[in-house]
Amino acid sequence: MNPKPRILLIDDSEATVDGIKSFLDERYEVVTATNGMEGLKELESSGILFDLVITDLVMPLAGGVEVVSLLKQKFPRIPIIVMTGWEQHAKELPTEAKANIVLVKPFDLEDLDRSVSKLLARETSRRTI
């Protein structure tokens, strides 16, 4: 049996973290962080290899653009989904921060699920080539 893909979920909203984690927990191993700095520390110190990162854009201590930029420098193969309530910046963010997918809040959890599946399938196909 293959292990569940591991996802790091970073958001400062407890309600958002709880809702998304509950939704994804059946199919994925979801580790959470409540701000960008905690998320980066989790990636660097946990020793856990993550298959995907989902992060909010606006957070205390380290914002999403900063988190995504650092992730892409240190872990360039990990796909990243950014969630934002700032719709006006949603088109600029993938270019600026190099996020793979941007979801504008509020979004349907099924859209998140499709985005996660798409990125994980793309990463799996890269590994088998």
N, C-alpha and C. Protein backbone atom coordinates (compact mmCIF):
# COMPACT_ATOMS: atom_id res chain seq x y z
N MET A 1 0.83 -1.18 0.00
CA MET A 1 0.00 0.00 0.00
C MET A 1 0.88 1.25 0.00
N ASN A 2 0.61 2.17 -0.90
CA ASN A 2 1.36 3.41 -0.97
C ASN A 2 0.98 4.32 0.19
N PRO A 3 1.96 5.05 0.74
CA PRO A 3 1.61 5.99 1.80
C PRO A 3 0.81 7.16 1.24
N LYS A 4 0.05 7.78 2.10
CA LYS A 4 -0.72 8.95 1.68
C LYS A 4 0.24 10.09 1.33
N PRO A 5 -0.07 10.86 0.28
CA PRO A 5 0.73 12.05 0.00
C PRO A 5 0.67 13.00 1.20
N ARG A 6 1.78 13.69 1.45
CA ARG A 6 1.87 14.60 2.59
C ARG A 6 1.69 16.04 2.13
N ILE A 7 0.81 16.75 2.82
CA ILE A 7 0.51 18.14 2.48
C ILE A 7 0.78 19.01 3.70
N LEU A 8 1.47 20.13 3.48
CA LEU A 8 1.65 21.13 4.53
C LEU A 8 0.64 22.24 4.27
N LEU A 9 -0.22 22.50 5.23
CA LEU A 9 -1.26 23.52 5.14
C LEU A 9 -0.90 24.67 6.08
N ILE A 10 -0.72 25.88 5.51
CA ILE A 10 -0.33 27.05 6.30
C ILE A 10 -1.41 28.11 6.19
N ASP A 11 -2.00 28.47 7.33
CA ASP A 11 -3.01 29.54 7.36
C ASP A 11 -3.16 30.00 8.79
N ASP A 12 -3.34 31.30 8.98
CA ASP A 12 -3.48 31.83 10.33
C ASP A 12 -4.91 31.75 10.86
N SER A 13 -5.85 31.34 10.03
CA SER A 13 -7.24 31.18 10.46
C SER A 13 -7.48 29.74 10.92
N GLU A 14 -7.78 29.60 12.20
CA GLU A 14 -8.02 28.27 12.75
C GLU A 14 -9.20 27.58 12.07
N ALA A 15 -10.24 28.35 11.76
CA ALA A 15 -11.42 27.79 11.10
C ALA A 15 -11.07 27.27 9.71
N THR A 16 -10.25 28.02 8.98
CA THR A 16 -9.83 27.59 7.65
C THR A 16 -8.99 26.32 7.72
N VAL A 17 -8.04 26.31 8.64
CA VAL A 17 -7.18 25.13 8.81
C VAL A 17 -8.01 23.91 9.18
N ASP A 18 -8.91 24.07 10.15
CA ASP A 18 -9.73 22.94 10.58
C ASP A 18 -10.61 22.41 9.45
N GLY A 19 -11.23 23.31 8.70
CA GLY A 19 -12.12 22.89 7.61
C GLY A 19 -11.38 22.18 6.49
N ILE A 20 -10.27 22.77 6.06
CA ILE A 20 -9.51 22.16 4.96
C ILE A 20 -8.87 20.85 5.41
N LYS A 21 -8.31 20.83 6.61
CA LYS A 21 -7.69 19.60 7.11
C LYS A 21 -8.72 18.48 7.21
N SER A 22 -9.89 18.77 7.75
CA SER A 22 -10.95 17.76 7.84
C SER A 22 -11.34 17.22 6.47
N PHE A 23 -11.41 18.12 5.49
CA PHE A 23 -11.79 17.72 4.14
C PHE A 23 -10.72 16.85 3.49
N LEU A 24 -9.45 17.18 3.68
CA LEU A 24 -8.36 16.47 3.00
C LEU A 24 -7.84 15.25 3.76
N ASP A 25 -8.11 15.17 5.05
CA ASP A 25 -7.51 14.13 5.90
C ASP A 25 -7.76 12.69 5.45
N GLU A 26 -8.86 12.43 4.81
CA GLU A 26 -9.15 11.05 4.42
C GLU A 26 -8.18 10.54 3.35
N ARG A 27 -7.81 11.42 2.43
CA ARG A 27 -6.96 11.01 1.31
C ARG A 27 -5.48 11.39 1.45
N TYR A 28 -5.20 12.35 2.36
CA TYR A 28 -3.84 12.87 2.48
C TYR A 28 -3.43 12.96 3.94
N GLU A 29 -2.12 12.94 4.17
CA GLU A 29 -1.59 13.25 5.51
C GLU A 29 -1.38 14.76 5.53
N VAL A 30 -2.12 15.46 6.38
CA VAL A 30 -2.08 16.91 6.41
C VAL A 30 -1.43 17.39 7.71
N VAL A 31 -0.34 18.14 7.55
CA VAL A 31 0.35 18.78 8.67
C VAL A 31 0.03 20.26 8.58
N THR A 32 -0.26 20.89 9.73
CA THR A 32 -0.67 22.30 9.70
C THR A 32 0.33 23.21 10.40
N ALA A 33 0.32 24.47 9.96
CA ALA A 33 1.10 25.54 10.59
C ALA A 33 0.22 26.78 10.61
N THR A 34 0.36 27.59 11.67
CA THR A 34 -0.53 28.73 11.84
C THR A 34 0.05 30.05 11.34
N ASN A 35 1.26 30.03 10.81
CA ASN A 35 1.82 31.22 10.16
C ASN A 35 2.96 30.79 9.25
N GLY A 36 3.43 31.72 8.44
CA GLY A 36 4.45 31.39 7.46
C GLY A 36 5.76 30.91 8.06
N MET A 37 6.19 31.55 9.16
CA MET A 37 7.45 31.15 9.79
C MET A 37 7.35 29.72 10.34
N GLU A 38 6.21 29.41 10.97
CA GLU A 38 6.00 28.05 11.49
C GLU A 38 6.01 27.04 10.35
N GLY A 39 5.40 27.40 9.23
CA GLY A 39 5.38 26.51 8.07
C GLY A 39 6.77 26.25 7.53
N LEU A 40 7.57 27.31 7.41
CA LEU A 40 8.94 27.14 6.93
C LEU A 40 9.77 26.30 7.89
N LYS A 41 9.59 26.52 9.18
CA LYS A 41 10.31 25.70 10.18
C LYS A 41 9.90 24.24 10.07
N GLU A 42 8.61 24.01 9.85
CA GLU A 42 8.11 22.63 9.71
C GLU A 42 8.79 21.95 8.52
N LEU A 43 8.91 22.66 7.43
CA LEU A 43 9.55 22.09 6.24
C LEU A 43 11.02 21.79 6.48
N GLU A 44 11.71 22.70 7.13
CA GLU A 44 13.15 22.55 7.30
C GLU A 44 13.55 21.60 8.42
N SER A 45 12.76 21.54 9.49
CA SER A 45 13.21 20.80 10.66
C SER A 45 12.52 19.47 10.90
N SER A 46 11.39 19.25 10.27
CA SER A 46 10.62 18.05 10.60
C SER A 46 11.20 16.78 10.01
N GLY A 47 11.95 16.92 8.94
CA GLY A 47 12.46 15.73 8.29
C GLY A 47 11.41 15.03 7.45
N ILE A 48 10.20 15.61 7.41
CA ILE A 48 9.13 15.02 6.62
C ILE A 48 9.18 15.59 5.21
N LEU A 49 9.17 14.74 4.25
CA LEU A 49 9.12 15.18 2.87
C LEU A 49 7.66 15.47 2.51
N PHE A 50 7.39 16.69 2.11
CA PHE A 50 6.04 17.08 1.72
C PHE A 50 5.89 16.97 0.21
N ASP A 51 4.72 16.55 -0.22
CA ASP A 51 4.41 16.43 -1.63
C ASP A 51 3.78 17.69 -2.19
N LEU A 52 3.23 18.54 -1.29
CA LEU A 52 2.51 19.73 -1.73
C LEU A 52 2.37 20.68 -0.55
N VAL A 53 2.36 21.99 -0.84
CA VAL A 53 2.11 22.99 0.19
C VAL A 53 0.91 23.83 -0.23
N ILE A 54 0.02 24.07 0.73
CA ILE A 54 -1.12 24.98 0.55
C ILE A 54 -0.91 26.09 1.56
N THR A 55 -0.86 27.35 1.09
CA THR A 55 -0.61 28.45 2.01
C THR A 55 -1.52 29.63 1.73
N ASP A 56 -1.83 30.35 2.78
CA ASP A 56 -2.58 31.59 2.66
C ASP A 56 -1.64 32.68 2.17
N LEU A 57 -2.18 33.75 1.64
CA LEU A 57 -1.37 34.86 1.16
C LEU A 57 -1.04 35.85 2.27
N VAL A 58 -2.05 36.25 3.05
CA VAL A 58 -1.85 37.27 4.07
C VAL A 58 -1.84 36.60 5.45
N MET A 59 -0.65 36.64 6.10
CA MET A 59 -0.49 36.04 7.42
C MET A 59 0.52 36.86 8.20
N PRO A 60 0.48 36.74 9.54
CA PRO A 60 1.50 37.41 10.35
C PRO A 60 2.85 36.68 10.26
N LEU A 61 3.89 37.37 10.58
CA LEU A 61 5.27 36.88 10.67
C LEU A 61 5.93 36.59 9.32
N ALA A 62 5.25 35.98 8.41
CA ALA A 62 5.77 35.78 7.05
C ALA A 62 4.57 35.60 6.15
N GLY A 63 4.40 36.48 5.20
CA GLY A 63 3.26 36.41 4.28
C GLY A 63 3.45 35.33 3.23
N GLY A 64 2.38 35.06 2.51
CA GLY A 64 2.39 33.99 1.51
C GLY A 64 3.39 34.19 0.40
N VAL A 65 3.56 35.44 -0.08
CA VAL A 65 4.52 35.68 -1.16
C VAL A 65 5.93 35.34 -0.68
N GLU A 66 6.25 35.74 0.54
CA GLU A 66 7.56 35.43 1.11
C GLU A 66 7.73 33.93 1.29
N VAL A 67 6.71 33.27 1.81
CA VAL A 67 6.76 31.82 2.03
C VAL A 67 6.96 31.09 0.70
N VAL A 68 6.17 31.46 -0.30
CA VAL A 68 6.27 30.80 -1.61
C VAL A 68 7.65 31.03 -2.22
N SER A 69 8.14 32.25 -2.15
CA SER A 69 9.46 32.56 -2.72
C SER A 69 10.55 31.72 -2.05
N LEU A 70 10.52 31.65 -0.72
CA LEU A 70 11.52 30.85 0.00
C LEU A 70 11.37 29.36 -0.30
N LEU A 71 10.13 28.89 -0.37
CA LEU A 71 9.90 27.48 -0.70
C LEU A 71 10.46 27.14 -2.08
N LYS A 72 10.21 28.01 -3.04
CA LYS A 72 10.68 27.75 -4.41
C LYS A 72 12.20 27.76 -4.49
N GLN A 73 12.85 28.54 -3.62
CA GLN A 73 14.31 28.55 -3.59
C GLN A 73 14.86 27.27 -2.95
N LYS A 74 14.28 26.89 -1.81
CA LYS A 74 14.81 25.77 -1.04
C LYS A 74 14.27 24.41 -1.47
N PHE A 75 13.03 24.38 -1.92
CA PHE A 75 12.36 23.13 -2.29
C PHE A 75 11.67 23.32 -3.64
N PRO A 76 12.41 23.51 -4.71
CA PRO A 76 11.81 23.90 -6.00
C PRO A 76 10.85 22.87 -6.60
N ARG A 77 10.92 21.64 -6.19
CA ARG A 77 10.05 20.61 -6.80
C ARG A 77 8.70 20.49 -6.12
N ILE A 78 8.53 21.11 -4.94
CA ILE A 78 7.26 20.98 -4.23
C ILE A 78 6.24 21.95 -4.84
N PRO A 79 5.13 21.44 -5.36
CA PRO A 79 4.09 22.31 -5.90
C PRO A 79 3.39 23.08 -4.78
N ILE A 80 2.92 24.30 -5.12
CA ILE A 80 2.33 25.17 -4.12
C ILE A 80 1.01 25.74 -4.61
N ILE A 81 0.01 25.65 -3.72
CA ILE A 81 -1.28 26.30 -3.95
C ILE A 81 -1.38 27.46 -2.97
N VAL A 82 -1.71 28.64 -3.48
CA VAL A 82 -1.90 29.81 -2.63
C VAL A 82 -3.38 30.12 -2.56
N MET A 83 -3.85 30.40 -1.33
CA MET A 83 -5.24 30.82 -1.11
C MET A 83 -5.20 32.31 -0.77
N THR A 84 -6.12 33.08 -1.34
CA THR A 84 -6.16 34.50 -1.05
C THR A 84 -7.57 35.05 -1.11
N GLY A 85 -7.83 36.00 -0.25
CA GLY A 85 -9.07 36.75 -0.30
C GLY A 85 -8.90 38.03 -1.11
N TRP A 86 -7.70 38.26 -1.58
CA TRP A 86 -7.36 39.46 -2.35
C TRP A 86 -7.46 39.17 -3.83
N GLU A 87 -8.67 39.13 -4.33
CA GLU A 87 -8.92 38.74 -5.72
C GLU A 87 -8.16 39.60 -6.72
N GLN A 88 -7.99 40.89 -6.43
CA GLN A 88 -7.32 41.77 -7.37
C GLN A 88 -5.86 41.38 -7.59
N HIS A 89 -5.25 40.64 -6.66
CA HIS A 89 -3.86 40.22 -6.82
C HIS A 89 -3.73 38.78 -7.31
N ALA A 90 -4.83 38.09 -7.48
CA ALA A 90 -4.78 36.67 -7.82
C ALA A 90 -4.11 36.39 -9.15
N LYS A 91 -4.23 37.30 -10.11
CA LYS A 91 -3.61 37.07 -11.42
C LYS A 91 -2.12 37.37 -11.40
N GLU A 92 -1.69 38.28 -10.53
CA GLU A 92 -0.28 38.66 -10.45
C GLU A 92 0.54 37.69 -9.63
N LEU A 93 -0.08 37.06 -8.66
CA LEU A 93 0.66 36.25 -7.70
C LEU A 93 1.44 35.09 -8.30
N PRO A 94 0.89 34.30 -9.21
CA PRO A 94 1.68 33.18 -9.73
C PRO A 94 2.98 33.63 -10.37
N THR A 95 2.97 34.77 -11.05
CA THR A 95 4.19 35.28 -11.67
C THR A 95 5.13 35.82 -10.61
N GLU A 96 4.61 36.59 -9.68
CA GLU A 96 5.44 37.22 -8.65
C GLU A 96 6.06 36.20 -7.72
N ALA A 97 5.28 35.28 -7.23
CA ALA A 97 5.76 34.35 -6.20
C ALA A 97 6.03 32.95 -6.73
N LYS A 98 5.66 32.69 -7.96
CA LYS A 98 5.86 31.39 -8.59
C LYS A 98 5.00 30.28 -7.97
N ALA A 99 3.81 30.65 -7.50
CA ALA A 99 2.86 29.64 -7.04
C ALA A 99 2.34 28.88 -8.25
N ASN A 100 2.02 27.61 -8.05
CA ASN A 100 1.50 26.80 -9.15
C ASN A 100 0.03 27.11 -9.44
N ILE A 101 -0.75 27.27 -8.38
CA ILE A 101 -2.19 27.54 -8.51
C ILE A 101 -2.58 28.55 -7.44
N VAL A 102 -3.47 29.49 -7.81
CA VAL A 102 -4.02 30.45 -6.86
C VAL A 102 -5.52 30.23 -6.78
N LEU A 103 -6.03 30.07 -5.57
CA LEU A 103 -7.47 29.93 -5.34
C LEU A 103 -7.95 31.16 -4.57
N VAL A 104 -8.98 31.81 -5.09
CA VAL A 104 -9.53 33.00 -4.45
C VAL A 104 -10.61 32.58 -3.45
N LYS A 105 -10.46 33.04 -2.21
CA LYS A 105 -11.43 32.75 -1.15
C LYS A 105 -12.67 33.61 -1.36
N PRO A 106 -13.82 33.11 -1.05
CA PRO A 106 -14.09 31.71 -0.68
C PRO A 106 -14.11 30.84 -1.92
N PHE A 107 -13.57 29.65 -1.82
CA PHE A 107 -13.56 28.71 -2.93
C PHE A 107 -14.27 27.44 -2.50
N ASP A 108 -14.67 26.68 -3.47
CA ASP A 108 -15.33 25.40 -3.23
C ASP A 108 -14.26 24.37 -2.88
N LEU A 109 -14.48 23.58 -1.86
CA LEU A 109 -13.50 22.57 -1.47
C LEU A 109 -13.25 21.56 -2.60
N GLU A 110 -14.23 21.35 -3.45
CA GLU A 110 -14.03 20.46 -4.61
C GLU A 110 -13.01 21.06 -5.58
N ASP A 111 -12.99 22.40 -5.71
CA ASP A 111 -11.97 23.06 -6.55
C ASP A 111 -10.58 22.85 -5.95
N LEU A 112 -10.49 22.93 -4.63
CA LEU A 112 -9.22 22.66 -3.96
C LEU A 112 -8.80 21.23 -4.21
N ASP A 113 -9.73 20.30 -4.07
CA ASP A 113 -9.43 18.88 -4.27
C ASP A 113 -8.93 18.62 -5.69
N ARG A 114 -9.59 19.23 -6.67
CA ARG A 114 -9.14 19.07 -8.08
C ARG A 114 -7.74 19.65 -8.26
N SER A 115 -7.47 20.81 -7.65
CA SER A 115 -6.15 21.43 -7.78
C SER A 115 -5.07 20.57 -7.14
N VAL A 116 -5.35 20.03 -5.96
CA VAL A 116 -4.40 19.15 -5.28
C VAL A 116 -4.13 17.91 -6.14
N SER A 117 -5.18 17.29 -6.62
CA SER A 117 -5.04 16.07 -7.44
C SER A 117 -4.23 16.36 -8.70
N LYS A 118 -4.51 17.47 -9.34
CA LYS A 118 -3.81 17.85 -10.56
C LYS A 118 -2.31 18.03 -10.32
N LEU A 119 -1.96 18.76 -9.26
CA LEU A 119 -0.54 19.00 -8.98
C LEU A 119 0.18 17.74 -8.53
N LEU A 120 -0.49 16.91 -7.73
CA LEU A 120 0.15 15.66 -7.29
C LEU A 120 0.33 14.70 -8.46
N ALA A 121 -0.63 14.65 -9.37
CA ALA A 121 -0.50 13.79 -10.55
C ALA A 121 0.65 14.27 -11.43
N ARG A 122 0.78 15.58 -11.58
CA ARG A 122 1.87 16.14 -12.39
C ARG A 122 3.22 15.80 -11.77
N GLU A 123 3.32 15.92 -10.44
CA GLU A 123 4.57 15.62 -9.75
C GLU A 123 4.89 14.13 -9.82
N THR A 124 3.89 13.27 -9.71
CA THR A 124 4.09 11.83 -9.81
C THR A 124 4.58 11.45 -11.20
N SER A 125 4.02 12.07 -12.22
CA SER A 125 4.45 11.74 -13.59
C SER A 125 5.89 12.21 -13.84
N ARG A 126 6.31 13.31 -13.22
CA ARG A 126 7.70 13.77 -13.35
C ARG A 126 8.67 12.77 -12.74
N ARG A 127 8.26 12.19 -11.61
CA ARG A 127 9.15 11.25 -10.91
C ARG A 127 9.31 9.93 -11.67
N THR A 128 8.32 9.58 -12.47
CA THR A 128 8.38 8.29 -13.16
C THR A 128 9.04 8.39 -14.54
N ILE A 129 9.31 9.61 -14.97
CA ILE A 129 9.95 9.77 -16.30
C ILE A 129 11.43 9.56 -16.19
